[in-house]
Protein backbone atom coordinates (compact mmCIF):
# COMPACT_ATOMS: atom_id res chain seq x y z
CA UNK A 1 54.47 -73.11 137.05
CA UNK A 2 56.97 -75.98 137.00
CA UNK A 3 60.67 -75.23 136.98
CA UNK A 4 63.08 -76.88 134.55
CA UNK A 5 66.85 -77.14 134.19
CA UNK A 6 68.79 -76.95 130.91
CA UNK A 7 72.21 -75.55 129.97
CA UNK A 8 72.92 -74.96 133.65
CA UNK A 9 69.94 -72.58 133.87
CA UNK A 10 66.86 -72.71 136.08
CA UNK A 11 63.88 -72.08 133.78
CA UNK A 12 60.39 -70.93 134.74
CA UNK A 13 58.30 -71.66 131.65
CA UNK A 14 54.65 -71.12 130.79
CA UNK A 15 55.17 -73.46 127.81
CA UNK A 16 55.54 -77.00 129.21
CA UNK A 17 59.00 -78.50 128.62
CA UNK A 18 58.41 -82.21 129.29
CA UNK A 19 61.40 -84.42 129.91
CA UNK A 20 63.67 -81.71 131.32
CA UNK A 21 65.22 -82.25 134.76
CA UNK A 22 63.69 -80.29 137.61
CA UNK A 23 65.40 -78.60 140.58
CA UNK A 24 63.16 -76.38 142.68
CA UNK A 25 65.94 -75.37 145.10
CA UNK A 26 67.68 -72.91 142.76
CA UNK A 27 66.74 -69.33 141.86
CA UNK A 28 65.20 -68.72 138.44
CA UNK A 29 67.59 -67.66 135.65
CA UNK A 30 65.20 -67.54 132.68
CA UNK A 31 61.46 -66.83 132.41
CA UNK A 32 59.48 -68.01 129.37
CA UNK A 33 56.03 -66.50 128.87
CA UNK A 34 53.36 -66.16 126.21
CA UNK A 35 52.70 -62.54 125.28
CA UNK A 36 52.73 -59.86 122.62
CA UNK A 37 55.91 -59.50 120.54
CA UNK A 38 56.46 -56.71 117.97
CA UNK A 39 57.06 -57.42 114.30
CA UNK A 40 60.31 -55.41 114.39
CA UNK A 41 62.85 -54.03 116.82
CA UNK A 42 63.71 -50.31 116.93
CA UNK A 43 67.17 -49.50 115.55
CA UNK A 44 68.51 -53.07 115.22
CA UNK A 45 72.27 -53.58 114.99
CA UNK A 46 71.67 -56.18 112.32
CA UNK A 47 69.05 -58.39 110.76
CA UNK A 48 68.57 -61.47 108.61
CA UNK A 49 65.66 -62.98 106.75
CA UNK A 50 63.99 -64.21 109.94
CA UNK A 51 65.66 -62.30 112.80
CA UNK A 52 66.90 -58.93 113.99
CA UNK A 53 68.80 -57.96 117.09
CA UNK A 54 70.27 -55.28 119.31
CA UNK A 55 72.81 -55.63 122.12
CA UNK A 56 70.04 -56.64 124.54
CA UNK A 57 67.20 -58.07 122.44
CA UNK A 58 66.81 -60.74 119.78
CA UNK A 59 63.64 -61.10 117.67
CA UNK A 60 63.13 -64.41 115.88
CA UNK A 61 60.19 -64.93 113.49
CA UNK A 62 58.78 -68.24 112.24
CA UNK A 63 55.83 -67.92 109.85
CA UNK A 64 52.63 -69.65 111.05
CA UNK A 65 54.38 -70.66 114.29
CA UNK A 66 55.40 -67.74 116.53
CA UNK A 67 57.56 -64.70 117.14
CA UNK A 68 60.15 -65.15 119.90
CA UNK A 69 61.66 -62.17 121.75
CA UNK A 70 64.81 -62.97 123.74
CA UNK A 71 65.96 -60.24 126.13
CA UNK A 72 69.22 -59.92 128.08
CA UNK A 73 69.71 -63.67 128.40
CA UNK A 74 66.98 -63.84 131.03
CA UNK A 75 63.57 -63.89 129.32
CA UNK A 76 61.85 -65.27 126.25
CA UNK A 77 58.39 -64.06 125.19
CA UNK A 78 56.48 -66.24 122.71
CA UNK A 79 53.78 -64.65 120.55
CA UNK A 80 52.24 -67.79 119.11
CA UNK A 81 50.20 -68.10 115.92
CA UNK A 82 46.66 -69.41 116.50
CA UNK A 83 47.27 -72.69 114.67
CA UNK A 84 50.69 -73.47 116.18
CA UNK A 85 51.17 -76.72 118.11
CA UNK A 86 53.19 -76.90 121.32
CA UNK A 87 55.61 -79.46 119.85
CA UNK A 88 56.49 -77.03 117.05
CA UNK A 89 56.77 -74.11 119.49
CA UNK A 90 59.26 -76.14 121.54
CA UNK A 91 61.31 -77.07 118.47
CA UNK A 92 62.12 -73.43 117.66
CA UNK A 93 62.35 -72.42 121.32
CA UNK A 94 65.00 -75.06 122.01
CA UNK A 95 66.85 -74.21 118.80
CA UNK A 96 67.41 -70.63 117.66
CA UNK A 97 65.70 -68.92 120.62
CA UNK A 98 67.80 -70.70 123.23
CA UNK A 99 70.86 -70.31 121.00
CA UNK A 100 70.39 -66.54 121.03
CA UNK A 101 69.76 -66.54 124.79
CA UNK A 102 73.01 -68.40 125.46
CA UNK A 103 74.93 -66.03 123.17
CA UNK A 104 73.49 -63.16 125.21
CA UNK A 105 74.73 -64.85 128.39
CA UNK A 106 78.29 -64.87 126.95
CA UNK A 107 78.54 -68.62 126.55
CA UNK A 108 80.45 -70.15 123.64
CA UNK A 109 77.67 -71.96 121.78
CA UNK A 110 78.89 -74.81 119.59
CA UNK A 111 76.99 -76.63 116.85
CA UNK A 112 78.06 -79.91 118.43
CA UNK A 113 76.81 -83.10 119.98
CA UNK A 114 78.56 -84.22 123.16
CA UNK A 115 78.90 -87.26 125.43
CA UNK A 116 80.23 -88.08 128.87
CA UNK A 117 83.50 -89.99 129.31
CA UNK A 118 85.82 -90.55 132.24
CA UNK A 119 87.87 -87.55 131.02
CA UNK A 120 84.92 -85.15 130.85
CA UNK A 121 82.92 -84.43 127.71
CA UNK A 122 83.90 -85.03 124.09
CA UNK A 123 82.35 -82.80 121.40
CA UNK A 124 81.55 -83.89 117.84
CA UNK A 125 81.29 -81.13 115.24
CA UNK A 126 80.79 -81.02 111.51
CA UNK A 127 78.53 -79.68 108.75
CA UNK A 128 74.85 -80.61 108.75
CA UNK A 129 74.39 -84.01 107.18
CA UNK A 130 77.79 -85.37 108.26
CA UNK A 131 76.18 -87.63 110.87
CA UNK A 132 76.66 -85.95 114.27
CA UNK A 133 73.32 -87.13 115.60
CA UNK A 134 73.62 -90.57 114.01
CA UNK A 135 77.05 -91.04 115.59
CA UNK A 136 75.73 -89.76 118.92
CA UNK A 137 72.83 -92.23 118.84
CA UNK A 138 75.24 -95.08 118.14
CA UNK A 139 77.51 -94.03 121.03
CA UNK A 140 74.52 -93.75 123.39
CA UNK A 141 73.51 -97.21 122.21
CA UNK A 142 76.96 -98.43 123.29
CA UNK A 143 76.44 -97.06 126.80
CA UNK A 144 77.81 -93.50 126.67
CA UNK A 145 75.65 -90.84 128.33
CA UNK A 146 74.59 -87.90 126.19
CA UNK A 147 75.29 -84.36 127.34
CA UNK A 148 73.77 -82.62 124.31
CA UNK A 149 72.51 -83.37 120.82
CA UNK A 150 72.80 -80.53 118.30
CA UNK A 151 73.96 -77.64 120.53
CA UNK A 152 76.59 -77.59 123.29
CA UNK A 153 77.04 -74.46 125.43
CA UNK A 154 80.43 -73.86 127.05
CA UNK A 155 81.39 -71.56 129.91
CA UNK A 156 84.86 -70.22 129.17
CA UNK A 157 85.24 -68.32 132.47
CA UNK A 158 85.67 -71.26 134.88
CA UNK A 159 89.08 -71.23 136.55
CA UNK A 160 89.50 -74.96 135.97
CA UNK A 161 88.99 -74.61 132.21
CA UNK A 162 86.10 -74.82 129.70
CA UNK A 163 82.94 -76.44 131.11
CA UNK A 164 80.05 -77.72 128.96
CA UNK A 165 76.45 -77.77 130.15
CA UNK A 166 73.85 -80.50 129.57
CA UNK A 167 71.04 -79.48 127.24
CA UNK A 168 67.81 -81.44 126.72
CA UNK A 169 67.41 -85.23 127.23
CA UNK A 170 66.29 -85.83 123.65
CA UNK A 171 67.75 -86.20 120.17
CA UNK A 172 66.50 -85.32 116.72
CA UNK A 173 66.83 -88.55 114.78
CA UNK A 174 65.64 -90.28 111.65
CA UNK A 175 64.03 -93.71 111.81
CA UNK A 176 67.26 -95.70 111.27
CA UNK A 177 69.29 -93.67 113.76
CA UNK A 178 66.59 -93.98 116.44
CA UNK A 179 66.89 -97.76 116.17
CA UNK A 180 70.40 -97.52 117.68
CA UNK A 181 68.87 -96.57 121.02
CA UNK A 182 65.97 -98.98 120.66
CA UNK A 183 63.26 -96.45 119.82
CA UNK A 184 60.48 -96.50 117.25
CA UNK A 185 59.39 -93.09 116.04
CA UNK A 186 55.75 -93.63 115.00
CA UNK A 187 54.30 -92.00 118.12
CA UNK A 188 56.96 -89.28 118.51
CA UNK A 189 56.70 -85.62 117.42
CA UNK A 190 58.26 -84.87 114.06
CA UNK A 191 60.66 -81.96 113.58
CA UNK A 192 59.12 -79.48 111.16
CA UNK A 193 60.53 -79.43 107.60
CA UNK A 194 62.66 -82.55 108.23
CA UNK A 195 62.41 -86.34 108.29
CA UNK A 196 63.60 -86.40 111.92
CA UNK A 197 61.74 -87.02 115.17
CA UNK A 198 62.23 -85.82 118.76
CA UNK A 199 63.45 -88.97 120.52
CA UNK A 200 63.73 -89.03 124.35
CA UNK A 201 67.08 -90.22 125.75
CA UNK A 202 67.26 -92.04 129.08
CA UNK A 203 71.06 -92.28 129.27
CA UNK A 204 71.57 -88.57 129.89
CA UNK A 205 74.26 -86.82 131.92
CA UNK A 206 72.64 -83.94 133.82
CA UNK A 207 75.82 -82.48 135.34
CA UNK A 208 78.23 -79.94 133.74
CA UNK A 209 81.48 -81.50 132.56
CA UNK A 210 84.94 -80.19 131.65
CA UNK A 211 85.59 -80.17 127.91
CA UNK A 212 88.25 -82.75 127.11
CA UNK A 213 88.45 -82.83 123.31
CA UNK A 214 86.72 -81.91 120.06
CA UNK A 215 86.30 -84.33 117.15
CA UNK A 216 85.56 -82.83 113.71
CA UNK A 217 83.72 -85.14 111.31
CA UNK A 218 85.00 -85.32 107.75
CA UNK A 219 85.10 -87.61 104.71
CA UNK A 220 87.68 -88.70 102.15
CA UNK A 221 87.92 -90.94 99.08
CA UNK A 222 89.97 -93.62 100.82
CA UNK A 223 88.45 -96.88 102.20
CA UNK A 224 89.70 -96.52 105.78
CA UNK A 225 88.71 -94.60 108.92
CA UNK A 226 91.27 -92.22 110.39
CA UNK A 227 91.45 -90.27 113.63
CA UNK A 228 94.08 -87.55 113.29
CA UNK A 229 95.25 -84.88 115.71
CA UNK A 230 94.69 -81.37 114.35
CA UNK A 231 97.63 -78.98 114.46
CA UNK A 232 97.43 -75.72 116.41
CA UNK A 233 96.97 -73.56 113.31
CA UNK A 234 93.75 -75.33 112.28
CA UNK A 235 92.12 -75.66 115.70
CA UNK A 236 90.76 -72.13 115.82
CA UNK A 237 89.05 -72.41 112.43
CA UNK A 238 87.34 -75.67 113.50
CA UNK A 239 86.00 -74.05 116.67
CA UNK A 240 84.94 -70.81 114.96
CA UNK A 241 83.37 -72.49 111.93
CA UNK A 242 81.27 -74.76 114.14
CA UNK A 243 79.73 -72.02 116.27
CA UNK A 244 75.95 -72.35 116.54
CA UNK A 245 74.08 -69.61 114.66
CA UNK A 246 77.31 -67.81 113.80
CA UNK A 247 75.29 -65.28 111.81
CA UNK A 248 73.70 -63.95 115.02
CA UNK A 249 76.99 -62.68 116.45
CA UNK A 250 77.39 -59.39 114.57
CA UNK A 251 73.78 -58.42 115.19
CA UNK A 252 74.21 -59.09 118.92
CA UNK A 253 77.50 -57.17 119.04
CA UNK A 254 79.39 -60.31 120.12
CA UNK A 255 82.00 -60.82 117.39
CA UNK A 256 84.94 -59.70 119.56
CA UNK A 257 83.79 -61.81 122.52
CA UNK A 258 83.37 -64.81 120.26
CA UNK A 259 86.84 -64.46 118.73
CA UNK A 260 88.48 -64.48 122.17
CA UNK A 261 86.36 -67.37 123.46
CA UNK A 262 86.93 -69.51 120.36
CA UNK A 263 90.68 -68.87 120.49
CA UNK A 264 90.76 -69.78 124.18
CA UNK A 265 88.88 -73.06 123.61
CA UNK A 266 91.14 -73.96 120.69
CA UNK A 267 94.18 -73.54 122.95
CA UNK A 268 92.64 -75.35 125.93
CA UNK A 269 91.62 -78.72 124.46
CA UNK A 270 92.84 -81.26 121.96
CA UNK A 271 91.15 -81.26 118.54
CA UNK A 272 90.97 -84.32 116.29
CA UNK A 273 89.55 -85.01 112.86
CA UNK A 274 87.54 -88.18 112.26
CA UNK A 275 87.75 -89.03 108.57
CA UNK A 276 85.56 -91.76 107.10
CA UNK A 277 84.94 -92.95 103.52
CA UNK A 278 82.59 -90.65 101.62
CA UNK A 279 80.93 -93.61 99.92
CA UNK A 280 79.67 -95.30 103.11
CA UNK A 281 79.13 -94.31 106.74
CA UNK A 282 80.72 -97.45 108.26
CA UNK A 283 78.96 -96.52 111.51
CA UNK A 284 79.75 -99.59 113.58
CA UNK A 285 83.40 -99.53 112.54
CA UNK A 286 83.53 -95.81 113.34
CA UNK A 287 82.11 -96.37 116.84
CA UNK A 288 84.56 -99.25 117.40
CA UNK A 289 87.46 -96.99 116.46
CA UNK A 290 86.22 -94.13 118.61
CA UNK A 291 85.79 -96.48 121.55
CA UNK A 292 89.55 -96.97 121.53
CA UNK A 293 90.06 -93.20 121.71
CA UNK A 294 87.29 -92.46 124.23
CA UNK A 295 87.67 -95.35 126.64
CA UNK A 296 84.79 -97.17 128.33
CA UNK A 297 81.50 -95.38 129.11
CA UNK A 298 81.05 -93.99 132.59
CA UNK A 299 78.83 -96.53 134.36
CA UNK A 300 77.02 -94.25 136.79
CA UNK A 301 75.64 -90.96 135.50
CA UNK A 302 73.94 -88.33 137.63
CA UNK A 303 70.14 -88.59 137.65
CA UNK A 304 67.70 -85.86 138.61
CA UNK A 305 63.94 -85.70 138.96
CA UNK A 306 62.37 -85.39 135.54
CA UNK A 307 59.84 -82.60 135.08
C-alpha cells in the first residue's frame, strides 16, 4: 500500500489519499484499514450524538457513510456502508477521525487555517462562517503557501517552542472563494451537506513550522478594518474556544492536558484580532492590510513527491 504524510505522521492507508505527500523512508505512525467496527464501545467515558470514547478508543458514526474507530493515536478502522463513496469517506476521515487521532497523540488541535511566512506560521481562527477558508484562499492567491485549511495541529513539547504541522494540500471552498486560486469547481468532489468543494492547492508548505502568531477573525459595526493586539487576559480564551472538536476532550480524558497546552500556547505567541465590517467582507482590503502585518510571502517552499 502507498504511504502518505500528513500532520507530521507517516500513514499507511488502505483508503487512497490522493494528493498527500509521500515519504517512504520513515517508519509508519498510523495505519488505516477497512474492517468491522462495533456500534458501541464498552464503558465509554463519554458520548455525544454521533461519537463515544474511552481513554484509548474513539468511535465516530456517520449514517449511510461509515463507522470510524480510532485507537491510541495509531490506527483507524473504517467500517464503510455499502453505498458510501470514497470521496465522502475521506471527508470524514480527514475531519473528525483525524481530529480525534491527533487529540489522542497529545497534540493541541486548533480549528484554524494557517500559512507560511518568513517568521514561521500564522494561524487564523474564528467561528464557522467568519471566512477563514475564504481569507486563506485569498492569501494563497497572493503567493503565501498554505500549511493547513480548517485544522492545524500543534506540538507543544518542542524545546524551541510550539510547532505546527502541515495537513492536507487541499481546501474546502465555495465557488467564489475557489476563484481566488484560479480553480473552477465543476469537476471537483463536493463536501457533503455543504456548498463547498475539495479544491487541491499547489502552493503548499510540507514542512513543520514554528507558530509565530494567531489572528482571531471578528466583525464590528464600523466601516474600517482593524488589527489589534489582544491582551494577555483574553489570549487563553481565544486559544481554548478555537480548539477543534472541543467536545471530544472530556470523553477522551484530555481536559487537563488541553488546559495546560492552551495556556502554554497563549503565553508563547502573540495573538491579534482582525475586525472587519459586519456588512461587507472587504476581502481585498483585508488581505492588503494583513500583508503589512505578515510581510512578503516566502518565495521557495519545500516540495515533496505527491502520492
